[in-house]
Protein backbone atom coordinates (compact mmCIF):
# COMPACT_ATOMS: atom_id res chain seq x y z
CA MET A 1 -9.74 -5.10 -7.39
CA LEU A 2 -8.50 -3.58 -4.09
CA LYS A 3 -6.63 -0.25 -3.66
CA VAL A 4 -4.70 0.10 -0.40
CA ARG A 5 -2.38 1.78 2.04
CA LEU A 6 0.45 0.66 3.80
CA MET A 7 1.84 2.89 5.87
CA GLY A 8 5.24 1.31 8.91
CA THR A 9 9.62 1.76 8.34
CA LYS A 10 10.89 0.58 5.56
CA ASN A 11 11.75 -2.49 7.06
CA ASP A 12 8.43 -2.80 7.97
CA ILE A 13 6.72 -2.36 4.57
CA LYS A 14 9.77 -4.94 3.13
CA TRP A 15 8.62 -7.82 4.57
CA PHE A 16 5.04 -7.08 3.99
CA GLU A 17 5.79 -6.91 0.15
CA ARG A 18 7.64 -10.43 0.41
CA ILE A 19 4.05 -11.87 3.05
CA LEU A 20 1.70 -10.48 -0.10
CA ASP A 21 4.16 -11.66 -3.19
CA ARG A 22 3.73 -15.34 -1.70
CA ILE A 23 0.04 -15.48 -1.34
CA PRO A 24 -1.01 -17.71 -4.61
CA LYS A 25 -4.93 -16.08 -4.68
CA ILE A 26 -3.66 -12.53 -4.84
CA GLU A 27 -2.24 -10.53 -7.45
CA VAL A 28 0.48 -7.91 -6.93
CA LEU A 29 -0.39 -5.39 -10.33
CA GLU A 30 1.69 -1.87 -8.47
CA PHE A 31 3.81 -1.13 -5.48
CA SER A 32 4.80 2.18 -5.50
CA ASP A 33 8.05 3.90 -4.64
CA MET A 34 8.11 4.77 -0.57
CA TYR A 35 7.04 8.46 0.38
CA LEU A 36 8.10 10.24 3.72
CA ASN A 37 4.89 10.58 6.57
CA LYS A 38 5.45 15.04 7.26
CA GLY A 39 6.46 15.03 11.09
CA THR A 40 8.73 12.44 11.33
CA ASP A 41 12.11 10.58 9.24
CA LYS A 42 11.01 6.59 10.84
CA TYR A 43 7.25 6.63 8.96
CA TYR A 44 6.64 6.06 5.44
CA ARG A 45 3.86 4.90 2.88
CA VAL A 46 3.55 2.63 -0.41
CA TYR A 47 0.29 2.73 -2.05
CA VAL A 48 -0.79 -0.82 -2.95
CA VAL A 49 -3.31 -2.21 -5.96
CA ILE A 50 -4.02 -6.26 -5.23
CA LYS A 51 -5.64 -7.88 -7.64
CA ARG A 52 -8.52 -11.34 -6.39
CA LEU A 53 -7.32 -14.09 -8.76
CA SER A 54 -9.86 -16.51 -9.77
CA GLU A 55 -10.12 -20.47 -8.78
CA LYS A 56 -10.23 -21.10 -13.22
CA GLU A 57 -6.33 -19.54 -13.27
């Protein structure tokens, strides 16, 4: 299991979320709400929990 922090614009984060959903070897267990980064109104962060699927599943 991996816990990942993504940072970027809202569009970039949504784009990457769609990419993660299409990868058959991983399962996204949790995708947090977007949090505004301090000092900017352009960049956000999200936290993602990812599980690697075994070949037997």
